[in-house]
Every structure is written in C-alpha cells, then in structure tokens.
Amino acid sequence: LALLLFISFFSFGQKYSGDSWATVTSKGTGVLGVVYYPQAGLIYEEGGKMKGVCAELLTEFSAFVQSKYGKKVEVKYLGAEEVFSNFLKTCQTTPDILGVTNVTVTDERKKILKFTPAFLSNQETLITHKNAPAVENLSKISSVLNGYKAKVITGSVHVKYMEQLKKENFPSLTIEQGPSGPEILKEISTNPKLFTILDFTEYVDATRNRLPIKKQNVEIGAPQDLAFVMSKQSDWDKIWNEFLTPEFRKSEKYRKIIANNLGGAYLSILK
C-alpha cells in the first residue's frame, strides 16, 4: 500500500515540465511552464487564448524579464487541473512549473510550497441560494439555516473556515466536500438547502453568470492574500519577488488589469 501511495503521489509531478530560472539566465531564453486551475476572471481559456487577471500578469512578467535582464521567457500553458487538490499536489511535486490560480497564502502551505508575492487580496464569502433567508449574524446561523448542509472545495482554506463555523455556531452542520467552486455553485443552484464559503472572485463570476445565489452579509475571516505557487525546488521565486512588488500593485497598469477582468467593484477591497 505504501508503494502504491508513493507511485500515485509521484505521478502528479510527471505530466508537466518547464525550464528553471537558472536555465533562462544561462541560455538567455527558456520556458516558464504554467499549470492552472481554471477560475473565471483570473485564469481561463476562451477561443483558444488564455484570459484573465493571471494571464495578463504573466504577460507583464515576461515583458519585465525581457526589459530588465534581456532574457526571453516564453510563458507556456501546459494544462489545466480541474480538481483543486490535484492542482496543489501537481505544483508541489513538479520542480520547474508555476501553479496559477487563486491560492490563499497560509503558513501550512508554506511548509510544502513556495509562493510568489501576492497578486490579489481576497475576502471569503458565505454564499447561499438566492431564496435562502438572510443571515445577519453568524451566531444565529444555526437557526436561520436550520436543515441546510454545507459544501466546500477539497483541500481549500474554506474547509477550515467551515469547520470553525460549525464548531462555534452550528454544531449540527453536515459538511461535504467537492472538487471545485463551479461544481459547488452549480449544485447550490439546484439545491436551495446547500451553502458554501468561497473566494469573492468566485462570487463575482457567479453573479455575472446570473446564477440563483446570493452573498450573505457576514464576515468570514480577515482579508487574505492570493498568490501563485511552485515546488520547494523551484528557483522562479527570486525573479517573481522582483516583479510582483507592492509598487506594481499600486500602479495604474495593475488596477486596469483588475478592473477589466473582475470589474471596478473589486478595486474597493484591494489593499
């Protein structure tokens, strides 16, 4: 069994490959291999092209390297991992790739992954079906949503937040897990007695698609940082630290990227 588990875990890192930053600096050119977890507004394929905040940031990154170091970095999208937990495992076990999506920076994840500087701030949101009663205070959620179940993304920080909510305010709550935000939102659309905790970016996309959901006006944790990830063996973090600075995130160019992809309303929660 141990051998089978090792082979299964090891295989996550065998599907993709890219160049190291050291290779790029020595040869003058190279490939930044990107594996992504699709997220509307952030990173997705449309009409054969990659779009979203992350895609535009990767283009800016390549231009930055060319301008500052005279090195050519080809951003190559190697593939999508549709299950979030598999996406994280792939990034952890593949040396020279960049994992691109809305990964929350946590101390626990820092033990097994490297992070770029944050590219976006995020607020966790409690999402229900549009016909669910209003939750005005988490202390009353067990009575307001009596008979409801919760579902969160496997391997996400939302699991921790939902378990904390259960412990502090909703002891009888049944918590299920699913592979992705879109799948859970789709289920809520047809099951009014289900609710979730997701990133604000996913709520924005759901409203754009006119899903029958609503954001409850309660606070779930403090604002968090979202970043790209890479394995502990990767050396790409050095150059990303030079590019994705606080100054860049205050720039008009950055704010335009956010507004174009997530809408002007998202600018209000940026820090």
Protein backbone atom coordinates (compact mmCIF):
# COMPACT_ATOMS: atom_id res chain seq x y z
CA LEU A 1 0.00 0.00 0.00
CA ALA A 2 2.83 2.40 0.85
CA LEU A 3 4.44 1.75 -2.54
CA LEU A 4 1.15 2.35 -4.35
CA LEU A 5 0.65 5.61 -2.48
CA PHE A 6 4.18 6.72 -3.36
CA ILE A 7 3.69 5.90 -7.05
CA SER A 8 0.36 7.73 -7.08
CA PHE A 9 1.80 10.83 -5.39
CA PHE A 10 4.95 10.79 -7.53
CA SER A 11 2.91 10.59 -10.73
CA PHE A 12 1.40 14.02 -10.10
CA GLY A 13 4.72 15.59 -10.99
CA GLN A 14 5.39 13.63 -14.18
CA LYS A 15 2.85 15.20 -16.55
CA TYR A 16 4.46 18.62 -16.93
CA SER A 17 7.88 20.19 -17.28
CA GLY A 18 9.48 23.60 -17.79
CA ASP A 19 12.81 25.37 -17.50
CA SER A 20 14.38 26.73 -14.35
CA TRP A 21 15.21 30.41 -13.95
CA ALA A 22 18.88 29.40 -13.84
CA THR A 23 18.47 27.86 -17.32
CA VAL A 24 16.90 31.05 -18.63
CA THR A 25 19.69 33.22 -17.24
CA SER A 26 22.45 30.99 -18.67
CA LYS A 27 20.90 30.41 -22.10
CA GLY A 28 19.20 33.75 -22.50
CA THR A 29 15.86 32.12 -23.24
CA GLY A 30 13.58 29.48 -21.80
CA VAL A 31 10.08 28.30 -20.95
CA LEU A 32 8.04 29.17 -17.89
CA GLY A 33 5.72 26.17 -17.70
CA VAL A 34 2.31 27.03 -16.29
CA VAL A 35 -0.27 24.65 -14.86
CA TYR A 36 -3.55 26.26 -13.88
CA TYR A 37 -6.77 25.62 -12.03
CA PRO A 38 -9.46 27.36 -14.11
CA GLN A 39 -11.06 30.32 -12.41
CA ALA A 40 -13.29 32.77 -14.27
CA GLY A 41 -11.91 36.29 -14.26
CA LEU A 42 -8.49 35.03 -13.17
CA ILE A 43 -7.29 32.27 -15.49
CA TYR A 44 -9.33 30.52 -18.18
CA GLU A 45 -9.25 29.56 -21.85
CA GLU A 46 -11.59 31.22 -24.32
CA GLY A 47 -11.42 30.99 -28.08
CA GLY A 48 -8.06 29.23 -27.92
CA LYS A 49 -6.50 32.01 -25.83
CA MET A 50 -5.71 32.29 -22.14
CA LYS A 51 -7.50 35.16 -20.43
CA GLY A 52 -8.00 36.72 -17.01
CA VAL A 53 -6.02 38.66 -14.42
CA CYS A 54 -3.38 35.94 -14.09
CA ALA A 55 -2.87 35.59 -17.85
CA GLU A 56 -2.29 39.33 -18.18
CA LEU A 57 0.11 39.33 -15.20
CA LEU A 58 2.11 36.52 -16.82
CA THR A 59 2.40 38.59 -20.00
CA GLU A 60 3.60 41.56 -17.94
CA PHE A 61 6.08 39.30 -16.13
CA SER A 62 7.62 38.11 -19.40
CA ALA A 63 7.95 41.72 -20.58
CA PHE A 64 9.57 42.68 -17.25
CA VAL A 65 12.23 39.96 -17.57
CA GLN A 66 12.97 40.99 -21.16
CA SER A 67 13.25 44.65 -20.19
CA LYS A 68 15.35 44.25 -17.03
CA TYR A 69 17.56 41.28 -17.92
CA GLY A 70 17.35 40.95 -21.70
CA LYS A 71 16.16 37.35 -21.29
CA LYS A 72 13.28 35.87 -23.27
CA VAL A 73 10.73 33.93 -21.21
CA GLU A 74 8.08 32.02 -23.14
CA VAL A 75 5.00 31.52 -20.98
CA LYS A 76 3.76 28.07 -21.95
CA TYR A 77 0.43 26.82 -20.63
CA LEU A 78 0.98 23.11 -20.05
CA GLY A 79 -2.51 22.18 -18.97
CA ALA A 80 -5.42 22.63 -16.60
CA GLU A 81 -6.00 20.69 -13.40
CA GLU A 82 -9.76 20.78 -12.78
CA VAL A 83 -9.62 19.36 -9.24
CA PHE A 84 -8.09 21.83 -6.78
CA SER A 85 -6.43 19.25 -4.51
CA ASN A 86 -4.76 17.63 -7.55
CA PHE A 87 -3.63 21.05 -8.74
CA LEU A 88 -1.83 21.67 -5.43
CA LYS A 89 -0.20 18.21 -5.45
CA THR A 90 1.00 18.74 -9.02
CA CYS A 91 2.59 22.07 -8.11
CA GLN A 92 4.22 20.54 -5.05
CA THR A 93 5.81 17.63 -6.93
CA THR A 94 6.85 19.24 -10.24
CA PRO A 95 10.14 21.20 -9.94
CA ASP A 96 10.06 23.85 -12.67
CA ILE A 97 6.45 24.88 -13.19
CA LEU A 98 4.31 27.72 -11.89
CA GLY A 99 0.88 26.95 -10.45
CA VAL A 100 -1.56 29.66 -11.40
CA THR A 101 -4.94 30.33 -9.79
CA ASN A 102 -6.31 31.92 -6.60
CA VAL A 103 -4.25 30.06 -3.98
CA THR A 104 -4.57 31.50 -0.49
CA VAL A 105 -1.21 32.03 1.23
CA THR A 106 -1.09 30.13 4.54
CA ASP A 107 1.70 29.13 6.93
CA GLU A 108 0.73 25.47 6.50
CA ARG A 109 1.10 25.64 2.72
CA LYS A 110 4.42 27.49 3.03
CA LYS A 111 5.84 24.30 4.54
CA ILE A 112 5.36 22.40 1.26
CA LEU A 113 5.20 25.10 -1.42
CA LYS A 114 6.89 28.33 -2.44
CA PHE A 115 4.72 31.36 -3.15
CA THR A 116 5.15 34.40 -5.33
CA PRO A 117 4.31 37.72 -3.71
CA ALA A 118 0.54 38.18 -3.51
CA PHE A 119 -1.14 39.24 -6.74
CA LEU A 120 -4.56 39.92 -5.20
CA SER A 121 -6.40 40.40 -1.91
CA ASN A 122 -9.42 38.24 -1.21
CA GLN A 123 -12.37 38.21 1.14
CA GLU A 124 -14.03 34.91 1.99
CA THR A 125 -17.78 34.93 1.33
CA LEU A 126 -20.72 32.92 2.63
CA ILE A 127 -22.88 32.01 -0.36
CA THR A 128 -26.40 30.59 -0.34
CA HIS A 129 -29.22 30.09 -2.80
CA LYS A 130 -31.00 33.37 -3.60
CA ASN A 131 -34.13 32.16 -1.81
CA ALA A 132 -32.34 31.39 1.46
CA PRO A 133 -33.20 33.63 4.42
CA ALA A 134 -30.80 36.44 5.29
CA VAL A 135 -28.00 35.58 7.71
CA GLU A 136 -27.31 38.80 9.60
CA ASN A 137 -25.11 37.34 12.31
CA LEU A 138 -23.12 34.10 12.42
CA SER A 139 -24.29 33.50 15.98
CA LYS A 140 -27.80 32.92 14.59
CA ILE A 141 -26.86 30.86 11.54
CA SER A 142 -27.88 27.50 13.04
CA SER A 143 -31.47 28.67 13.47
CA VAL A 144 -31.66 30.74 10.26
CA LEU A 145 -30.26 27.93 8.11
CA ASN A 146 -31.72 25.04 10.08
CA GLY A 147 -31.90 21.96 7.86
CA TYR A 148 -29.17 23.18 5.50
CA LYS A 149 -25.94 21.38 4.59
CA ALA A 150 -22.58 22.92 3.67
CA LYS A 151 -20.19 22.01 0.86
CA VAL A 152 -16.65 23.31 0.33
CA ILE A 153 -13.73 22.66 -2.02
CA THR A 154 -11.48 19.75 -1.02
CA GLY A 155 -8.02 20.97 0.01
CA SER A 156 -9.06 24.63 0.22
CA VAL A 157 -8.86 27.05 3.14
CA HIS A 158 -12.66 27.12 3.02
CA VAL A 159 -12.65 23.73 4.76
CA LYS A 160 -11.01 25.30 7.81
CA TYR A 161 -13.43 28.22 7.86
CA MET A 162 -16.48 25.99 7.54
CA GLU A 163 -15.24 23.68 10.30
CA GLN A 164 -14.67 26.72 12.51
CA LEU A 165 -18.20 27.95 11.76
CA LYS A 166 -19.56 24.51 12.68
CA LYS A 167 -17.60 24.39 15.93
CA GLU A 168 -18.51 27.89 17.07
CA ASN A 169 -22.02 28.44 15.70
CA PHE A 170 -23.55 25.38 14.01
CA PRO A 171 -22.68 22.10 15.84
CA SER A 172 -25.22 20.00 13.92
CA LEU A 173 -23.98 21.14 10.49
CA THR A 174 -23.10 18.44 7.95
CA ILE A 175 -20.09 19.47 5.84
CA GLU A 176 -19.48 17.84 2.47
CA GLN A 177 -16.63 18.42 0.02
CA GLY A 178 -16.45 18.89 -3.75
CA PRO A 179 -13.78 19.21 -6.46
CA SER A 180 -14.25 22.86 -7.46
CA GLY A 181 -16.12 26.10 -6.86
CA PRO A 182 -18.11 25.99 -10.12
CA GLU A 183 -19.34 22.47 -9.31
CA ILE A 184 -20.49 23.53 -5.85
CA LEU A 185 -22.20 26.67 -7.16
CA LYS A 186 -23.96 24.59 -9.80
CA GLU A 187 -25.23 22.30 -7.05
CA ILE A 188 -26.44 25.21 -4.93
CA SER A 189 -28.37 26.47 -7.97
CA THR A 190 -30.48 23.31 -7.91
CA ASN A 191 -30.38 22.63 -4.17
CA PRO A 192 -31.67 25.62 -2.15
CA LYS A 193 -30.75 23.88 1.12
CA LEU A 194 -27.00 23.97 0.44
CA PHE A 195 -24.48 26.74 1.18
CA THR A 196 -20.75 27.29 0.86
CA ILE A 197 -17.77 29.52 1.60
CA LEU A 198 -15.83 30.66 -1.48
CA ASP A 199 -13.47 33.41 -2.61
CA PHE A 200 -15.02 36.73 -3.56
CA THR A 201 -13.72 36.23 -7.12
CA GLU A 202 -15.95 33.18 -7.50
CA TYR A 203 -18.95 35.10 -6.24
CA VAL A 204 -18.26 37.84 -8.82
CA ASP A 205 -18.25 35.26 -11.61
CA ALA A 206 -21.43 33.61 -10.34
CA THR A 207 -23.29 36.92 -10.41
CA ARG A 208 -22.03 37.61 -13.92
CA ASN A 209 -23.46 34.26 -14.98
CA ARG A 210 -26.71 35.12 -13.19
CA LEU A 211 -26.70 32.03 -11.01
CA PRO A 212 -29.53 31.99 -8.45
CA ILE A 213 -27.22 32.63 -5.50
CA LYS A 214 -26.54 35.44 -3.07
CA LYS A 215 -23.74 36.61 -0.80
CA GLN A 216 -24.69 36.75 2.85
CA ASN A 217 -23.66 39.94 4.63
CA VAL A 218 -21.47 38.34 7.31
CA GLU A 219 -17.72 38.44 7.76
CA ILE A 220 -15.77 35.20 7.25
CA GLY A 221 -12.23 35.72 8.48
CA ALA A 222 -9.89 38.57 7.58
CA PRO A 223 -8.88 39.55 4.03
CA GLN A 224 -6.27 37.14 2.68
CA ASP A 225 -3.52 37.16 0.09
CA LEU A 226 -3.74 35.15 -3.13
CA ALA A 227 -0.55 34.12 -4.93
CA PHE A 228 0.93 31.74 -7.49
CA VAL A 229 2.68 28.61 -6.23
CA MET A 230 5.67 26.44 -7.09
CA SER A 231 7.57 23.49 -5.64
CA LYS A 232 10.19 23.96 -2.94
CA GLN A 233 12.82 23.04 -5.56
CA SER A 234 11.89 25.90 -7.90
CA ASP A 235 14.11 28.96 -8.31
CA TRP A 236 11.49 31.12 -10.06
CA ASP A 237 10.54 32.79 -6.77
CA LYS A 238 13.61 35.06 -6.95
CA ILE A 239 12.58 36.87 -10.12
CA TRP A 240 8.90 36.94 -9.15
CA ASN A 241 9.90 38.78 -5.97
CA GLU A 242 11.45 41.46 -8.16
CA PHE A 243 8.41 41.79 -10.41
CA LEU A 244 5.34 41.48 -8.20
CA THR A 245 6.11 44.30 -5.78
CA PRO A 246 3.80 46.48 -3.66
CA GLU A 247 4.66 49.33 -6.03
CA PHE A 248 3.45 47.33 -9.04
CA ARG A 249 0.18 46.54 -7.26
CA LYS A 250 -0.39 50.26 -6.74
CA SER A 251 0.23 51.05 -10.40
CA GLU A 252 -2.43 52.19 -12.84
CA LYS A 253 -1.50 49.27 -15.11
CA TYR A 254 -2.27 46.74 -12.37
CA ARG A 255 -5.54 48.39 -11.37
CA LYS A 256 -6.64 48.42 -15.00
CA ILE A 257 -5.98 44.67 -15.25
CA ILE A 258 -8.16 44.08 -12.17
CA ALA A 259 -10.98 46.34 -13.34
CA ASN A 260 -11.03 44.86 -16.85
CA ASN A 261 -11.30 41.29 -15.59
CA LEU A 262 -13.10 41.48 -12.24
CA GLY A 263 -14.97 44.76 -12.52
CA GLY A 264 -14.48 48.12 -10.87
CA ALA A 265 -16.23 46.98 -7.69
CA TYR A 266 -13.36 44.62 -6.90
CA LEU A 267 -10.95 47.56 -6.63
CA SER A 268 -12.63 48.55 -3.38
CA ILE A 269 -11.30 45.51 -1.50
CA LEU A 270 -7.74 45.76 -2.79
CA LYS A 271 -5.03 46.59 -0.31
